[in-house]
């Protein structure tokens, strides 16, 4: 196996993604997590560009990292300025980073039209900058910006830039597919030609995903001789993003037989994706390769039946290799095998109740015909199964509820001063509770009132948190009389789960989903 080094640039390139901003603590926590995962190099950003990054490099030097090296990022010296006099290069050295990465132009048009300098001066800037940094004992990565566009426009000059960095002592020259427009066959051909020209030089690859080929381009570069791969967690980055380093790691390890983080650390892949997404305050896309919730999810009845006997038919890799799980989705498309497998995952053995399987399946299909969807509503599905196969007594019963929305002042269409109040009358055993809760919205007020009513009897509800609420109108052609589907996501100490409610009344649909969330949460806790 060839050792492929991993270089993460989430903290710099990833932060250039629209909607992502890291705090200092965010950056330090991500460094800890990537170090634990086994990433070789973590690019921390520009060491003197702003107070946050100055403090980051000071703090990160004090962290007891087990494996990773944190890299400072900058550019070659400015035109007409000696490397020893360049403020940016001095900042890189003063950051204390043992590895520094500098970016330089390799496309002749960029040199003349963006840098507004000569081709000869650009070669001097590359050579002097790398040599200056090497003289001060740091590992140097040279990012050859726009290398593939430059090679196609003037391959002799692009190669001259690589030669300048190589002769000056660059430890790795990472070829940047900056525009994201190259295709895999082009990348493989150009990387192979470059590696042949400099057989003793280590090369890396840095790809963007503008044409949807970033992963394929990175793997093609590894096939052609690159031994370092750059990318970001979950593919965060400018425009449509950088290459997803996690997908690349999984493909290199599982498909191509290379060593990156190692098979044991590879099991952390999904949790790393989720951790960084959560830190970015973003949802991890369900259909993300390897790490998404739907990456190994099966909905069709034939698929679910085959998975039980021959998983390789519909799973290209074992989910456990990357810390993910096989999931069975129950819907109107499901067959008996899907239902039995999903029920087992939720703790119900339908093989003990074979006479009920078709009945439950028919019930699910009838419910989905009127708007229910159990694919992401494990909590509600579990409550439905419970009603069939276990003696179940609700933890509480509703006498009635009432919701009032009070908008005291009319300040126009942008008014945000409405408040909600909900009163619920609940029975727990032979006790009756009447409570009133307030919230910015009616569902929040209902949630508060319900919890107030049952917390004395079930203090465990304090460990459940409503984290997401979605509404979908199912039949828009009937206006305000449309059927409404409400999905609620709840988090407890075991993880998150979904519940669903459907009604022509949005408040009633919300209440039904809310009740399922509390009931299922208490059931998970053994109540």
Protein backbone atom coordinates (compact mmCIF):
# COMPACT_ATOMS: atom_id res chain seq x y z
CA UNK A 1 0.00 0.00 0.00
CA UNK A 2 1.18 3.52 -0.80
CA UNK A 3 1.04 5.97 2.10
CA UNK A 4 -1.10 8.96 1.11
CA UNK A 5 -0.81 11.98 3.40
CA UNK A 6 -3.97 13.88 4.31
CA UNK A 7 -4.06 17.66 4.37
CA UNK A 8 -7.21 19.33 5.70
CA UNK A 9 -8.01 22.95 4.84
CA UNK A 10 -11.45 23.22 6.47
CA UNK A 11 -10.31 26.04 8.75
CA UNK A 12 -9.26 28.19 5.79
CA UNK A 13 -10.85 27.08 2.52
CA UNK A 14 -13.85 25.64 4.36
CA UNK A 15 -14.52 28.92 6.12
CA UNK A 16 -14.71 30.61 2.71
CA UNK A 17 -17.97 28.70 2.19
CA UNK A 18 -21.01 30.96 2.21
CA UNK A 19 -22.69 30.79 5.62
CA UNK A 20 -19.73 29.38 7.58
CA UNK A 21 -17.80 31.39 10.16
CA UNK A 22 -15.67 29.76 12.83
CA UNK A 23 -15.05 31.20 16.25
CA UNK A 24 -11.64 30.71 17.83
CA UNK A 25 -13.00 27.92 20.02
CA UNK A 26 -14.63 26.28 16.98
CA UNK A 27 -11.27 26.15 15.22
CA UNK A 28 -9.47 24.70 18.22
CA UNK A 29 -12.14 22.02 18.75
CA UNK A 30 -11.98 21.00 15.07
CA UNK A 31 -8.18 20.72 15.33
CA UNK A 32 -8.58 18.37 18.31
CA UNK A 33 -11.12 16.23 16.46
CA UNK A 34 -9.11 15.98 13.24
CA UNK A 35 -5.97 15.15 15.22
CA UNK A 36 -7.83 12.34 16.97
CA UNK A 37 -9.06 11.11 13.57
CA UNK A 38 -5.50 10.90 12.26
CA UNK A 39 -5.27 13.72 9.70
CA UNK A 40 -1.61 14.50 8.94
CA UNK A 41 -1.75 18.27 8.29
CA UNK A 42 -4.37 20.80 9.40
CA UNK A 43 -4.23 24.17 7.71
CA UNK A 44 -5.00 26.81 10.34
CA UNK A 45 -5.26 29.91 8.15
CA UNK A 46 -3.31 33.12 7.66
CA UNK A 47 -1.31 33.61 10.87
CA UNK A 48 -1.43 37.42 11.01
CA UNK A 49 -4.47 38.35 8.94
CA UNK A 50 -6.75 39.09 11.92
CA UNK A 51 -6.72 38.95 15.75
CA UNK A 52 -8.60 35.64 15.81
CA UNK A 53 -5.99 33.82 13.73
CA UNK A 54 -3.12 35.41 15.64
CA UNK A 55 -4.63 34.02 18.86
CA UNK A 56 -5.37 30.69 17.17
CA UNK A 57 -1.71 30.05 16.35
CA UNK A 58 -0.72 31.08 19.87
CA UNK A 59 -3.27 28.73 21.46
CA UNK A 60 -2.72 25.81 19.12
CA UNK A 61 1.00 25.70 20.04
CA UNK A 62 -0.07 24.83 23.58
CA UNK A 63 -2.29 21.91 22.51
CA UNK A 64 -0.88 18.40 23.07
CA UNK A 65 -1.65 17.10 19.58
CA UNK A 66 -0.99 13.39 19.12
CA UNK A 67 -0.45 13.21 15.37
CA UNK A 68 -1.35 16.22 13.22
CA UNK A 69 0.82 19.19 12.33
CA UNK A 70 -0.95 22.55 12.13
CA UNK A 71 0.06 24.44 9.00
CA UNK A 72 0.29 28.21 8.51
CA UNK A 73 -0.85 29.49 5.11
CA UNK A 74 0.42 32.43 3.09
CA UNK A 75 1.75 33.41 -0.31
CA UNK A 76 5.09 33.93 -1.98
CA UNK A 77 6.89 37.20 -1.41
CA UNK A 78 5.54 40.25 -3.18
CA UNK A 79 6.91 41.34 -6.53
CA UNK A 80 10.04 43.45 -6.18
CA UNK A 81 10.47 42.47 -2.53
CA UNK A 82 13.21 40.17 -1.29
CA UNK A 83 11.96 37.12 0.58
CA UNK A 84 13.91 38.12 3.70
CA UNK A 85 12.11 41.49 3.73
CA UNK A 86 8.60 40.17 3.07
CA UNK A 87 6.25 40.73 6.00
CA UNK A 88 3.97 37.81 5.05
CA UNK A 89 6.81 35.26 5.08
CA UNK A 90 7.99 36.56 8.46
CA UNK A 91 4.47 36.13 9.83
CA UNK A 92 4.51 32.49 8.70
CA UNK A 93 7.74 31.84 10.60
CA UNK A 94 6.60 33.76 13.69
CA UNK A 95 3.42 31.65 13.87
CA UNK A 96 5.51 28.81 15.25
CA UNK A 97 4.08 26.34 12.73
CA UNK A 98 6.48 23.56 11.77
CA UNK A 99 4.87 23.30 8.33
CA UNK A 100 4.01 26.30 6.16
CA UNK A 101 2.14 26.41 2.88
CA UNK A 102 2.66 29.17 0.35
CA UNK A 103 0.64 29.69 -2.79
CA UNK A 104 2.16 30.92 -6.04
CA UNK A 105 0.98 31.51 -9.59
CA UNK A 106 1.74 28.95 -12.30
CA UNK A 107 -0.53 30.22 -15.10
CA UNK A 108 1.24 32.73 -17.30
CA UNK A 109 -1.94 34.73 -17.88
CA UNK A 110 -2.48 35.04 -14.13
CA UNK A 111 1.09 36.24 -13.62
CA UNK A 112 0.81 38.97 -16.21
CA UNK A 113 -2.83 39.99 -15.72
CA UNK A 114 -3.42 39.45 -11.98
CA UNK A 115 0.04 39.91 -10.46
CA UNK A 116 0.96 42.52 -13.09
CA UNK A 117 4.53 41.29 -13.21
CA UNK A 118 6.83 39.38 -15.52
CA UNK A 119 7.11 35.63 -15.86
CA UNK A 120 10.76 35.82 -14.75
CA UNK A 121 9.90 37.80 -11.60
CA UNK A 122 7.24 35.26 -10.65
CA UNK A 123 9.81 32.45 -10.88
CA UNK A 124 12.10 34.50 -8.63
CA UNK A 125 9.28 35.00 -6.11
CA UNK A 126 8.61 31.25 -5.98
CA UNK A 127 12.25 30.20 -5.71
CA UNK A 128 13.32 32.81 -3.15
CA UNK A 129 10.27 32.30 -0.94
CA UNK A 130 10.66 28.52 -0.71
CA UNK A 131 14.42 28.79 -0.14
CA UNK A 132 13.98 31.45 2.59
CA UNK A 133 11.48 29.32 4.49
CA UNK A 134 13.61 26.19 4.15
CA UNK A 135 16.61 28.08 5.54
CA UNK A 136 14.58 28.59 8.72
CA UNK A 137 13.96 24.88 9.21
CA UNK A 138 10.27 24.49 8.40
CA UNK A 139 8.55 21.99 6.13
CA UNK A 140 7.32 23.79 3.01
CA UNK A 141 4.31 22.94 0.86
CA UNK A 142 4.10 24.92 -2.35
CA UNK A 143 0.53 25.28 -3.67
CA UNK A 144 0.82 25.63 -7.46
CA UNK A 145 -2.27 27.76 -8.08
CA UNK A 146 -4.23 27.30 -11.34
CA UNK A 147 -1.75 24.61 -12.31
CA UNK A 148 -4.02 22.71 -14.68
CA UNK A 149 -5.23 25.83 -16.50
CA UNK A 150 -1.62 26.98 -16.63
CA UNK A 151 -0.36 23.66 -17.95
CA UNK A 152 -2.96 23.60 -20.71
CA UNK A 153 -2.19 27.20 -21.70
CA UNK A 154 1.64 27.03 -21.48
CA UNK A 155 2.94 23.76 -20.15
CA UNK A 156 6.58 24.86 -20.38
CA UNK A 157 6.00 27.79 -18.02
CA UNK A 158 3.87 25.75 -15.58
CA UNK A 159 6.67 23.19 -15.39
CA UNK A 160 9.21 25.99 -14.91
CA UNK A 161 7.26 27.13 -11.83
CA UNK A 162 7.31 23.58 -10.44
CA UNK A 163 11.04 23.39 -11.14
CA UNK A 164 11.66 26.65 -9.29
CA UNK A 165 9.87 25.37 -6.19
CA UNK A 166 11.49 21.94 -6.40
CA UNK A 167 15.07 23.22 -6.77
CA UNK A 168 14.50 25.60 -3.84
CA UNK A 169 13.62 22.60 -1.65
CA UNK A 170 9.82 22.38 -1.45
CA UNK A 171 8.89 19.25 0.50
CA UNK A 172 5.64 18.81 -1.39
CA UNK A 173 4.34 20.63 -4.46
CA UNK A 174 0.56 20.46 -4.42
CA UNK A 175 -0.99 20.98 -7.85
CA UNK A 176 -4.13 23.09 -7.52
CA UNK A 177 -7.16 22.58 -9.74
CA UNK A 178 -8.32 26.02 -8.66
CA UNK A 179 -11.22 26.63 -11.04
CA UNK A 180 -12.77 23.21 -10.52
CA UNK A 181 -13.35 22.76 -14.23
CA UNK A 182 -10.91 20.01 -15.19
CA UNK A 183 -12.01 16.44 -15.86
CA UNK A 184 -10.44 13.29 -14.40
CA UNK A 185 -8.66 12.17 -17.59
CA UNK A 186 -7.06 15.62 -17.92
CA UNK A 187 -5.93 15.63 -14.29
CA UNK A 188 -4.44 12.15 -14.55
CA UNK A 189 -2.56 12.97 -17.76
CA UNK A 190 -1.14 16.26 -16.47
CA UNK A 191 -0.15 14.88 -13.06
CA UNK A 192 1.52 11.86 -14.66
CA UNK A 193 3.47 14.08 -17.06
CA UNK A 194 4.56 16.35 -14.21
CA UNK A 195 5.65 13.43 -12.03
CA UNK A 196 7.70 12.01 -14.92
CA UNK A 197 9.45 15.35 -15.30
CA UNK A 198 10.40 15.47 -11.59
CA UNK A 199 10.67 11.85 -10.42
CA UNK A 200 12.29 12.70 -7.07
CA UNK A 201 9.77 15.37 -6.06
CA UNK A 202 6.72 14.67 -3.82
CA UNK A 203 3.46 15.99 -5.22
CA UNK A 204 0.02 16.63 -3.81
CA UNK A 205 -3.38 17.56 -5.24
CA UNK A 206 -5.89 20.29 -4.34
CA UNK A 207 -9.26 20.17 -6.14
CA UNK A 208 -12.48 22.20 -6.25
CA UNK A 209 -15.83 20.75 -7.20
CA UNK A 210 -17.27 23.21 -9.71
CA UNK A 211 -17.78 20.53 -12.37
CA UNK A 212 -18.75 17.84 -9.87
CA UNK A 213 -15.48 15.98 -10.42
CA UNK A 214 -13.42 16.91 -7.33
CA UNK A 215 -13.36 13.43 -5.79
CA UNK A 216 -12.72 11.75 -9.15
CA UNK A 217 -9.98 14.27 -9.96
CA UNK A 218 -8.28 13.71 -6.61
CA UNK A 219 -8.33 9.93 -7.02
CA UNK A 220 -7.02 10.30 -10.58
CA UNK A 221 -4.14 12.40 -9.25
CA UNK A 222 -3.35 9.75 -6.63
CA UNK A 223 -3.30 7.12 -9.39
CA UNK A 224 -0.87 9.28 -11.35
CA UNK A 225 1.59 9.75 -8.49
CA UNK A 226 0.39 12.32 -5.93
CA UNK A 227 1.10 11.26 -2.36
CA UNK A 228 -0.69 14.09 -0.55
CA UNK A 229 -4.39 14.95 -0.86
CA UNK A 230 -5.87 18.27 0.20
CA UNK A 231 -9.55 18.80 0.95
CA UNK A 232 -12.13 19.93 3.49
CA UNK A 233 -14.50 18.01 5.74
CA UNK A 234 -17.84 17.53 3.95
CA UNK A 235 -16.50 19.47 0.96
CA UNK A 236 -17.09 22.91 2.47
CA UNK A 237 -15.52 25.72 0.48
CA UNK A 238 -15.98 28.64 -1.85
CA UNK A 239 -18.53 28.48 -4.69
CA UNK A 240 -19.71 24.84 -4.80
CA UNK A 241 -16.95 23.72 -2.45
CA UNK A 242 -13.66 21.89 -2.24
CA UNK A 243 -13.20 18.16 -2.54
CA UNK A 244 -14.67 16.25 0.41
CA UNK A 245 -11.56 14.95 2.13
CA UNK A 246 -13.60 12.32 4.01
CA UNK A 247 -14.95 10.77 0.81
CA UNK A 248 -11.43 10.75 -0.64
CA UNK A 249 -10.04 9.07 2.48
CA UNK A 250 -12.69 6.35 2.35
CA UNK A 251 -12.14 5.72 -1.37
CA UNK A 252 -8.36 5.59 -0.99
CA UNK A 253 -8.54 3.16 1.93
CA UNK A 254 -11.47 0.94 0.92
CA UNK A 255 -11.37 1.04 -2.88
CA UNK A 256 -7.73 1.66 -3.79
CA UNK A 257 -5.85 -0.03 -0.96
CA UNK A 258 -3.86 3.02 0.15
CA UNK A 259 -3.11 3.91 3.75
CA UNK A 260 -4.35 7.30 5.02
CA UNK A 261 -5.78 7.35 8.56
CA UNK A 262 -5.81 3.57 8.90
CA UNK A 263 -8.76 1.15 9.14
CA UNK A 264 -9.33 1.67 12.87
CA UNK A 265 -9.54 5.46 12.60
CA UNK A 266 -11.63 5.12 9.45
CA UNK A 267 -14.49 4.00 11.71
CA UNK A 268 -14.63 7.61 12.95
CA UNK A 269 -15.41 8.95 9.46
CA UNK A 270 -19.15 9.47 10.01
CA UNK A 271 -18.76 10.99 13.46
CA UNK A 272 -16.11 13.42 12.17
CA UNK A 273 -18.47 14.54 9.39
CA UNK A 274 -21.27 15.06 11.89
CA UNK A 275 -19.02 16.84 14.39
CA UNK A 276 -17.76 19.42 11.91
CA UNK A 277 -21.24 19.93 10.42
CA UNK A 278 -22.62 20.57 13.91
CA UNK A 279 -19.78 23.01 14.64
CA UNK A 280 -20.65 24.84 11.40
CA UNK A 281 -24.31 24.88 12.53
CA UNK A 282 -25.24 23.00 9.36
CA UNK A 283 -27.09 19.77 8.75
CA UNK A 284 -24.97 17.02 7.24
CA UNK A 285 -26.62 16.23 3.86
CA UNK A 286 -28.46 12.93 4.17
CA UNK A 287 -27.24 11.72 0.75
CA UNK A 288 -23.56 12.43 1.37
CA UNK A 289 -21.36 9.46 0.33
CA UNK A 290 -20.30 7.20 3.19
CA UNK A 291 -21.30 9.56 6.02
CA UNK A 292 -24.87 10.66 5.22
CA UNK A 293 -27.88 9.22 7.02
CA UNK A 294 -29.16 7.86 3.69
CA UNK A 295 -25.80 6.51 2.48
CA UNK A 296 -26.82 2.97 3.46
CA UNK A 297 -30.60 3.41 3.66
CA UNK A 298 -32.92 1.04 1.80
CA UNK A 299 -36.52 1.77 0.93
CA UNK A 300 -37.56 -0.60 -1.84
CA UNK A 301 -38.99 -3.92 -0.68
CA UNK A 302 -36.81 -5.97 -3.02
CA UNK A 303 -33.70 -4.17 -1.80
CA UNK A 304 -34.53 -4.75 1.84
CA UNK A 305 -35.22 -8.42 1.23
CA UNK A 306 -31.92 -8.85 -0.62
CA UNK A 307 -29.90 -6.97 2.00
CA UNK A 308 -30.74 -9.58 4.61
CA UNK A 309 -29.20 -12.34 2.47
CA UNK A 310 -26.64 -10.55 0.28
CA UNK A 311 -25.70 -7.03 1.53
CA UNK A 312 -23.12 -6.54 -1.22
CA UNK A 313 -25.93 -6.36 -3.77
CA UNK A 314 -26.96 -2.87 -2.65
CA UNK A 315 -24.13 -1.71 -0.37
CA UNK A 316 -20.81 -0.97 -2.08
CA UNK A 317 -18.98 -1.07 1.26
CA UNK A 318 -19.76 -2.27 4.75
CA UNK A 319 -21.24 0.69 6.69
CA UNK A 320 -19.32 -0.33 9.81
CA UNK A 321 -16.02 0.43 8.04
CA UNK A 322 -16.86 4.15 8.16
CA UNK A 323 -18.89 4.23 11.36
CA UNK A 324 -22.28 4.32 9.64
CA UNK A 325 -25.25 1.92 9.77
CA UNK A 326 -27.62 0.13 7.44
CA UNK A 327 -31.09 1.68 7.70
CA UNK A 328 -34.39 0.25 6.56
CA UNK A 329 -36.98 2.81 5.51
CA UNK A 330 -40.65 1.95 5.88
CA UNK A 331 -43.06 3.51 3.40
CA UNK A 332 -45.81 2.57 0.98
CA UNK A 333 -43.05 1.02 -1.15
CA UNK A 334 -42.01 -1.33 1.64
CA UNK A 335 -42.48 -5.07 1.73
CA UNK A 336 -42.58 -7.43 4.67
CA UNK A 337 -38.81 -7.80 4.78
CA UNK A 338 -38.39 -4.01 5.10
CA UNK A 339 -40.91 -3.81 7.91
CA UNK A 340 -39.44 -6.77 9.84
CA UNK A 341 -35.91 -5.37 9.52
CA UNK A 342 -36.94 -1.85 10.55
CA UNK A 343 -38.98 -3.15 13.47
CA UNK A 344 -35.99 -5.17 14.68
CA UNK A 345 -33.88 -2.01 14.57
CA UNK A 346 -36.46 -0.31 16.80
CA UNK A 347 -36.57 -3.20 19.26
CA UNK A 348 -39.59 -5.17 18.01
CA UNK A 349 -39.33 -8.76 16.81
CA UNK A 350 -42.16 -9.20 14.31
CA UNK A 351 -41.06 -12.78 13.69
CA UNK A 352 -42.84 -13.51 16.97
CA UNK A 353 -46.03 -12.02 15.49
CA UNK A 354 -46.11 -13.22 11.86
CA UNK A 355 -49.89 -12.83 11.72
CA UNK A 356 -49.55 -9.08 12.33
CA UNK A 357 -46.97 -8.20 9.70
CA UNK A 358 -49.36 -7.74 6.78
CA UNK A 359 -51.89 -5.94 8.99
CA UNK A 360 -49.29 -3.43 10.16
CA UNK A 361 -47.98 -3.01 6.62
CA UNK A 362 -51.50 -2.28 5.33
CA UNK A 363 -52.04 0.22 8.14
CA UNK A 364 -48.80 2.03 7.27
CA UNK A 365 -49.74 2.21 3.60
CA UNK A 366 -53.19 3.61 4.43
CA UNK A 367 -51.64 6.22 6.69
CA UNK A 368 -49.09 7.24 4.06
CA UNK A 369 -51.91 7.61 1.53
CA UNK A 370 -53.36 10.41 3.69
CA UNK A 371 -50.05 12.15 4.34
CA UNK A 372 -47.99 10.28 6.93
CA UNK A 373 -44.36 9.53 6.12
CA UNK A 374 -42.41 7.21 8.40
CA UNK A 375 -39.04 7.35 6.64
CA UNK A 376 -37.64 9.88 9.10
CA UNK A 377 -40.20 9.41 11.88
CA UNK A 378 -38.79 6.48 13.83
CA UNK A 379 -40.48 7.65 17.01
CA UNK A 380 -43.98 7.61 15.51
CA UNK A 381 -43.33 4.29 13.77
CA UNK A 382 -42.22 2.77 17.08
CA UNK A 383 -45.39 4.00 18.77
CA UNK A 384 -47.48 2.47 15.97
CA UNK A 385 -45.68 -0.88 16.30
CA UNK A 386 -46.11 -0.70 20.06
CA UNK A 387 -49.88 -0.38 19.69
CA UNK A 388 -49.91 -3.70 17.83
CA UNK A 389 -47.37 -5.94 19.54
CA UNK A 390 -47.06 -4.74 23.15
CA UNK A 391 -49.53 -3.98 25.89
CA UNK A 392 -49.14 -0.21 25.97
CA UNK A 393 -50.67 2.30 28.31
CA UNK A 394 -50.06 5.96 27.49
CA UNK A 395 -48.00 7.86 30.03
CA UNK A 396 -50.63 10.61 29.97
CA UNK A 397 -53.96 11.35 28.33
CA UNK A 398 -55.31 14.61 27.00
CA UNK A 399 -58.52 16.14 28.27
CA UNK A 400 -58.18 19.27 26.15
CA UNK A 401 -55.80 21.99 25.06
CA UNK A 402 -56.22 25.59 23.96
CA UNK A 403 -53.79 27.91 22.20
CA UNK A 404 -53.99 31.71 22.06
CA UNK A 405 -51.84 33.91 19.85
CA UNK A 406 -51.77 37.49 21.08
CA UNK A 407 -50.46 40.25 18.81
CA UNK A 408 -50.85 43.37 20.93
CA UNK A 409 -49.45 45.94 18.54
CA UNK A 410 -49.83 46.15 14.78
CA UNK A 411 -46.56 47.43 13.31
CA UNK A 412 -46.99 46.08 9.82
CA UNK A 413 -45.93 43.04 7.84
CA UNK A 414 -42.56 42.77 9.58
CA UNK A 415 -43.99 42.69 13.11
CA UNK A 416 -42.30 40.19 15.44
CA UNK A 417 -44.09 40.92 18.70
CA UNK A 418 -46.76 38.18 18.66
CA UNK A 419 -46.74 35.90 21.72
CA UNK A 420 -48.41 32.52 22.22
CA UNK A 421 -50.02 30.98 25.26
CA UNK A 422 -51.16 27.37 25.58
CA UNK A 423 -53.26 25.72 28.29
CA UNK A 424 -53.39 21.94 28.55
CA UNK A 425 -55.50 19.69 30.75
CA UNK A 426 -53.71 16.38 31.23
CA UNK A 427 -54.38 13.21 33.20
CA UNK A 428 -51.47 11.18 34.56
CA UNK A 429 -52.90 8.10 36.19
CA UNK A 430 -55.69 9.33 38.46
CA UNK A 431 -54.24 12.85 38.75
CA UNK A 432 -55.40 15.84 36.72
CA UNK A 433 -53.05 18.68 35.78
CA UNK A 434 -53.94 22.05 34.28
CA UNK A 435 -50.94 24.10 33.15
CA UNK A 436 -50.30 27.15 31.01
CA UNK A 437 -47.13 27.71 29.01
CA UNK A 438 -45.87 30.62 26.97
CA UNK A 439 -43.69 30.76 23.88
CA UNK A 440 -42.86 32.81 20.82
CA UNK A 441 -44.94 30.36 18.78
CA UNK A 442 -47.93 28.10 19.49
CA UNK A 443 -45.94 24.85 19.27
CA UNK A 444 -43.32 26.14 21.69
CA UNK A 445 -46.07 27.18 24.08
CA UNK A 446 -47.73 23.75 23.82
CA UNK A 447 -44.41 22.03 24.42
CA UNK A 448 -43.80 24.14 27.51
CA UNK A 449 -47.29 23.56 28.91
CA UNK A 450 -47.14 19.79 28.34
CA UNK A 451 -43.76 19.49 30.03
CA UNK A 452 -44.98 21.54 32.99
CA UNK A 453 -47.93 19.17 33.36
CA UNK A 454 -45.98 15.91 33.37
CA UNK A 455 -42.52 16.79 34.73
CA UNK A 456 -43.54 15.98 38.31
CA UNK A 457 -44.53 12.47 37.24
CA UNK A 458 -41.82 12.03 34.61
CA UNK A 459 -38.74 14.17 35.40
CA UNK A 460 -36.96 12.41 32.51
CA UNK A 461 -38.61 14.83 30.06
CA UNK A 462 -36.06 17.44 31.12
CA UNK A 463 -33.51 15.39 29.16
CA UNK A 464 -35.50 15.71 25.92
CA UNK A 465 -35.07 18.73 23.67
CA UNK A 466 -37.14 19.73 20.64
CA UNK A 467 -34.46 20.64 18.08
CA UNK A 468 -36.29 20.94 14.76
CA UNK A 469 -39.81 21.59 13.52
CA UNK A 470 -40.90 21.32 9.89
CA UNK A 471 -44.27 21.92 8.26
CA UNK A 472 -45.35 20.79 4.80
CA UNK A 473 -48.65 21.52 3.07
CA UNK A 474 -49.65 18.35 1.22
CA UNK A 475 -52.56 19.42 -1.01
CA UNK A 476 -52.08 23.08 -1.84
CA UNK A 477 -55.03 23.17 -4.25
CA UNK A 478 -57.56 23.33 -1.40
CA UNK A 479 -56.10 26.46 0.21
CA UNK A 480 -56.49 26.85 3.95
CA UNK A 481 -58.28 23.49 4.19
CA UNK A 482 -55.15 21.64 3.09
CA UNK A 483 -53.77 18.68 4.98
CA UNK A 484 -50.67 19.63 6.94
CA UNK A 485 -47.77 17.35 7.84
CA UNK A 486 -45.63 18.29 10.83
CA UNK A 487 -42.26 16.69 11.53
CA UNK A 488 -40.59 17.17 14.90
CA UNK A 489 -37.00 16.17 15.69
CA UNK A 490 -36.17 15.52 19.34
CA UNK A 491 -32.80 14.96 20.98
CA UNK A 492 -32.21 12.89 24.11
CA UNK A 493 -29.15 11.23 25.63
CA UNK A 494 -29.36 8.39 23.09
CA UNK A 495 -29.42 10.63 20.01
CA UNK A 496 -32.12 12.19 17.82
CA UNK A 497 -35.39 10.79 16.51
CA UNK A 498 -38.33 12.06 14.49
CA UNK A 499 -42.08 12.04 15.02
CA UNK A 500 -44.95 13.03 12.75
CA UNK A 501 -48.45 14.42 12.92
CA UNK A 502 -50.97 14.94 10.09
CA UNK A 503 -54.18 16.97 10.21
CA UNK A 504 -56.07 19.71 8.41
CA UNK A 505 -55.34 21.75 11.55
CA UNK A 506 -51.67 22.64 11.89
CA UNK A 507 -51.90 22.93 15.68
CA UNK A 508 -53.50 19.50 16.01
CA UNK A 509 -50.86 17.98 13.71
CA UNK A 510 -48.17 19.61 15.84
CA UNK A 511 -49.72 18.30 19.05
CA UNK A 512 -49.85 14.74 17.72
CA UNK A 513 -46.19 14.84 16.70
CA UNK A 514 -45.31 16.38 20.07
CA UNK A 515 -47.14 13.67 22.02
CA UNK A 516 -45.38 10.93 20.05
CA UNK A 517 -42.03 12.57 20.79
CA UNK A 518 -42.66 12.58 24.55
CA UNK A 519 -44.14 9.08 24.61
CA UNK A 520 -41.33 7.57 22.56
CA UNK A 521 -38.69 9.45 24.53
CA UNK A 522 -40.05 8.05 27.79
CA UNK A 523 -40.23 4.57 26.24
CA UNK A 524 -36.55 4.83 25.20
CA UNK A 525 -35.69 5.63 28.79
CA UNK A 526 -37.38 2.50 30.00
CA UNK A 527 -40.52 4.13 31.32
